[in-house]
Amino acid sequence: MAHIPQDPYMLLSMVNMKLRDRYASLDALCEDWDVSRSEIESVLATLNYHYDPGQNAFI
């Protein structure tokens, strides 16, 4: 995850913005960014945010 924010709050903001504006799913974002979905989910879980596919966002 070297090319994405290491700060969980910055990561949350960036991922939700990209999911809203560009990607149809978290899997599509992870594939394009070449990052592990589990890593993103793990970091954001520390903030009690979890991916909701219906909203295509971490809530």
N, C-alpha and C. Protein backbone atom coordinates (compact mmCIF):
# COMPACT_ATOMS: atom_id res chain seq x y z
N MET A 1 0.83 -1.20 0.00
CA MET A 1 0.00 0.00 0.00
C MET A 1 0.86 1.25 0.00
N ALA A 2 1.97 1.20 -0.68
CA ALA A 2 2.90 2.32 -0.65
C ALA A 2 2.38 3.56 -1.37
N HIS A 3 1.54 3.39 -2.38
CA HIS A 3 1.11 4.54 -3.17
C HIS A 3 -0.26 5.09 -2.75
N ILE A 4 -0.79 4.60 -1.66
CA ILE A 4 -2.05 5.14 -1.14
C ILE A 4 -1.81 5.63 0.28
N PRO A 5 -2.67 6.49 0.78
CA PRO A 5 -2.44 7.07 2.11
C PRO A 5 -2.31 6.01 3.20
N GLN A 6 -1.37 6.21 4.08
CA GLN A 6 -1.17 5.31 5.20
C GLN A 6 -2.04 5.70 6.40
N ASP A 7 -2.43 6.95 6.46
CA ASP A 7 -3.33 7.41 7.52
C ASP A 7 -4.73 6.86 7.25
N PRO A 8 -5.34 6.16 8.21
CA PRO A 8 -6.65 5.56 7.98
C PRO A 8 -7.74 6.55 7.57
N TYR A 9 -7.73 7.75 8.14
CA TYR A 9 -8.76 8.74 7.80
C TYR A 9 -8.56 9.27 6.37
N MET A 10 -7.34 9.45 5.98
CA MET A 10 -7.06 9.89 4.61
C MET A 10 -7.43 8.78 3.62
N LEU A 11 -7.13 7.54 3.99
CA LEU A 11 -7.49 6.41 3.15
C LEU A 11 -9.00 6.32 2.99
N LEU A 12 -9.72 6.46 4.08
CA LEU A 12 -11.19 6.43 4.04
C LEU A 12 -11.73 7.48 3.09
N SER A 13 -11.25 8.68 3.22
CA SER A 13 -11.71 9.77 2.37
C SER A 13 -11.40 9.50 0.90
N MET A 14 -10.20 9.07 0.62
CA MET A 14 -9.79 8.82 -0.76
C MET A 14 -10.56 7.67 -1.38
N VAL A 15 -10.69 6.56 -0.64
CA VAL A 15 -11.39 5.39 -1.17
C VAL A 15 -12.86 5.71 -1.42
N ASN A 16 -13.53 6.35 -0.48
CA ASN A 16 -14.94 6.66 -0.69
C ASN A 16 -15.13 7.63 -1.85
N MET A 17 -14.24 8.60 -2.00
CA MET A 17 -14.34 9.52 -3.13
C MET A 17 -14.18 8.77 -4.45
N LYS A 18 -13.19 7.89 -4.53
CA LYS A 18 -12.95 7.14 -5.76
C LYS A 18 -14.10 6.17 -6.05
N LEU A 19 -14.64 5.54 -5.01
CA LEU A 19 -15.79 4.65 -5.21
C LEU A 19 -16.99 5.44 -5.72
N ARG A 20 -17.20 6.62 -5.21
CA ARG A 20 -18.32 7.46 -5.64
C ARG A 20 -18.14 7.94 -7.07
N ASP A 21 -16.92 8.38 -7.41
CA ASP A 21 -16.69 9.07 -8.67
C ASP A 21 -16.21 8.19 -9.82
N ARG A 22 -15.60 7.05 -9.51
CA ARG A 22 -14.92 6.34 -10.60
C ARG A 22 -15.17 4.84 -10.66
N TYR A 23 -15.28 4.17 -9.52
CA TYR A 23 -15.31 2.71 -9.51
C TYR A 23 -16.68 2.17 -9.12
N ALA A 24 -17.10 1.12 -9.80
CA ALA A 24 -18.40 0.50 -9.55
C ALA A 24 -18.37 -0.43 -8.34
N SER A 25 -17.17 -0.78 -7.88
CA SER A 25 -17.05 -1.69 -6.74
C SER A 25 -15.68 -1.56 -6.09
N LEU A 26 -15.59 -2.06 -4.88
CA LEU A 26 -14.29 -2.09 -4.19
C LEU A 26 -13.32 -3.00 -4.93
N ASP A 27 -13.81 -4.09 -5.45
CA ASP A 27 -12.93 -5.01 -6.20
C ASP A 27 -12.32 -4.32 -7.42
N ALA A 28 -13.11 -3.52 -8.11
CA ALA A 28 -12.60 -2.80 -9.29
C ALA A 28 -11.52 -1.80 -8.88
N LEU A 29 -11.74 -1.09 -7.78
CA LEU A 29 -10.75 -0.15 -7.27
C LEU A 29 -9.45 -0.88 -6.93
N CYS A 30 -9.57 -1.97 -6.18
CA CYS A 30 -8.38 -2.72 -5.75
C CYS A 30 -7.61 -3.28 -6.94
N GLU A 31 -8.33 -3.76 -7.94
CA GLU A 31 -7.66 -4.29 -9.13
C GLU A 31 -6.90 -3.18 -9.85
N ASP A 32 -7.54 -2.03 -10.02
CA ASP A 32 -6.90 -0.91 -10.72
C ASP A 32 -5.71 -0.37 -9.94
N TRP A 33 -5.83 -0.29 -8.64
CA TRP A 33 -4.75 0.22 -7.79
C TRP A 33 -3.70 -0.83 -7.48
N ASP A 34 -3.98 -2.10 -7.79
CA ASP A 34 -3.09 -3.21 -7.49
C ASP A 34 -2.79 -3.29 -5.99
N VAL A 35 -3.89 -3.25 -5.21
CA VAL A 35 -3.78 -3.39 -3.76
C VAL A 35 -4.72 -4.49 -3.30
N SER A 36 -4.44 -5.02 -2.15
CA SER A 36 -5.25 -6.08 -1.57
C SER A 36 -6.51 -5.50 -0.93
N ARG A 37 -7.65 -6.05 -1.30
CA ARG A 37 -8.91 -5.63 -0.70
C ARG A 37 -8.87 -5.83 0.81
N SER A 38 -8.31 -6.95 1.25
CA SER A 38 -8.27 -7.24 2.68
C SER A 38 -7.43 -6.22 3.45
N GLU A 39 -6.38 -5.69 2.82
CA GLU A 39 -5.57 -4.67 3.49
C GLU A 39 -6.38 -3.39 3.70
N ILE A 40 -7.09 -2.95 2.67
CA ILE A 40 -7.92 -1.75 2.80
C ILE A 40 -9.00 -1.97 3.84
N GLU A 41 -9.68 -3.11 3.75
CA GLU A 41 -10.75 -3.40 4.70
C GLU A 41 -10.21 -3.49 6.13
N SER A 42 -9.03 -4.05 6.29
CA SER A 42 -8.43 -4.18 7.61
C SER A 42 -8.11 -2.81 8.22
N VAL A 43 -7.51 -1.94 7.43
CA VAL A 43 -7.17 -0.60 7.92
C VAL A 43 -8.43 0.17 8.27
N LEU A 44 -9.43 0.13 7.41
CA LEU A 44 -10.64 0.91 7.66
C LEU A 44 -11.49 0.30 8.77
N ALA A 45 -11.34 -0.99 9.02
CA ALA A 45 -12.04 -1.62 10.14
C ALA A 45 -11.55 -1.07 11.47
N THR A 46 -10.30 -0.59 11.52
CA THR A 46 -9.79 0.00 12.76
C THR A 46 -10.56 1.27 13.12
N LEU A 47 -11.22 1.86 12.12
CA LEU A 47 -12.05 3.04 12.35
C LEU A 47 -13.53 2.67 12.47
N ASN A 48 -13.81 1.36 12.47
CA ASN A 48 -15.18 0.84 12.49
C ASN A 48 -15.96 1.17 11.23
N TYR A 49 -15.26 1.23 10.09
CA TYR A 49 -15.89 1.40 8.79
C TYR A 49 -15.80 0.08 8.05
N HIS A 50 -16.90 -0.28 7.41
CA HIS A 50 -16.96 -1.53 6.66
C HIS A 50 -17.60 -1.26 5.31
N TYR A 51 -17.16 -1.99 4.31
CA TYR A 51 -17.66 -1.79 2.95
C TYR A 51 -19.10 -2.27 2.82
N ASP A 52 -19.95 -1.42 2.27
CA ASP A 52 -21.34 -1.75 1.97
C ASP A 52 -21.49 -1.75 0.45
N PRO A 53 -21.62 -2.94 -0.16
CA PRO A 53 -21.71 -2.99 -1.62
C PRO A 53 -22.95 -2.29 -2.17
N GLY A 54 -24.03 -2.26 -1.41
CA GLY A 54 -25.25 -1.59 -1.85
C GLY A 54 -25.05 -0.09 -2.02
N GLN A 55 -24.24 0.48 -1.14
CA GLN A 55 -23.96 1.91 -1.23
C GLN A 55 -22.63 2.16 -1.92
N ASN A 56 -21.89 1.09 -2.18
CA ASN A 56 -20.55 1.20 -2.78
C ASN A 56 -19.70 2.22 -2.02
N ALA A 57 -19.67 2.03 -0.71
CA ALA A 57 -18.93 2.96 0.16
C ALA A 57 -18.62 2.28 1.48
N PHE A 58 -17.62 2.83 2.15
CA PHE A 58 -17.33 2.41 3.52
C PHE A 58 -18.19 3.27 4.44
N ILE A 59 -18.96 2.58 5.26
CA ILE A 59 -19.85 3.29 6.19
C ILE A 59 -19.65 2.80 7.60
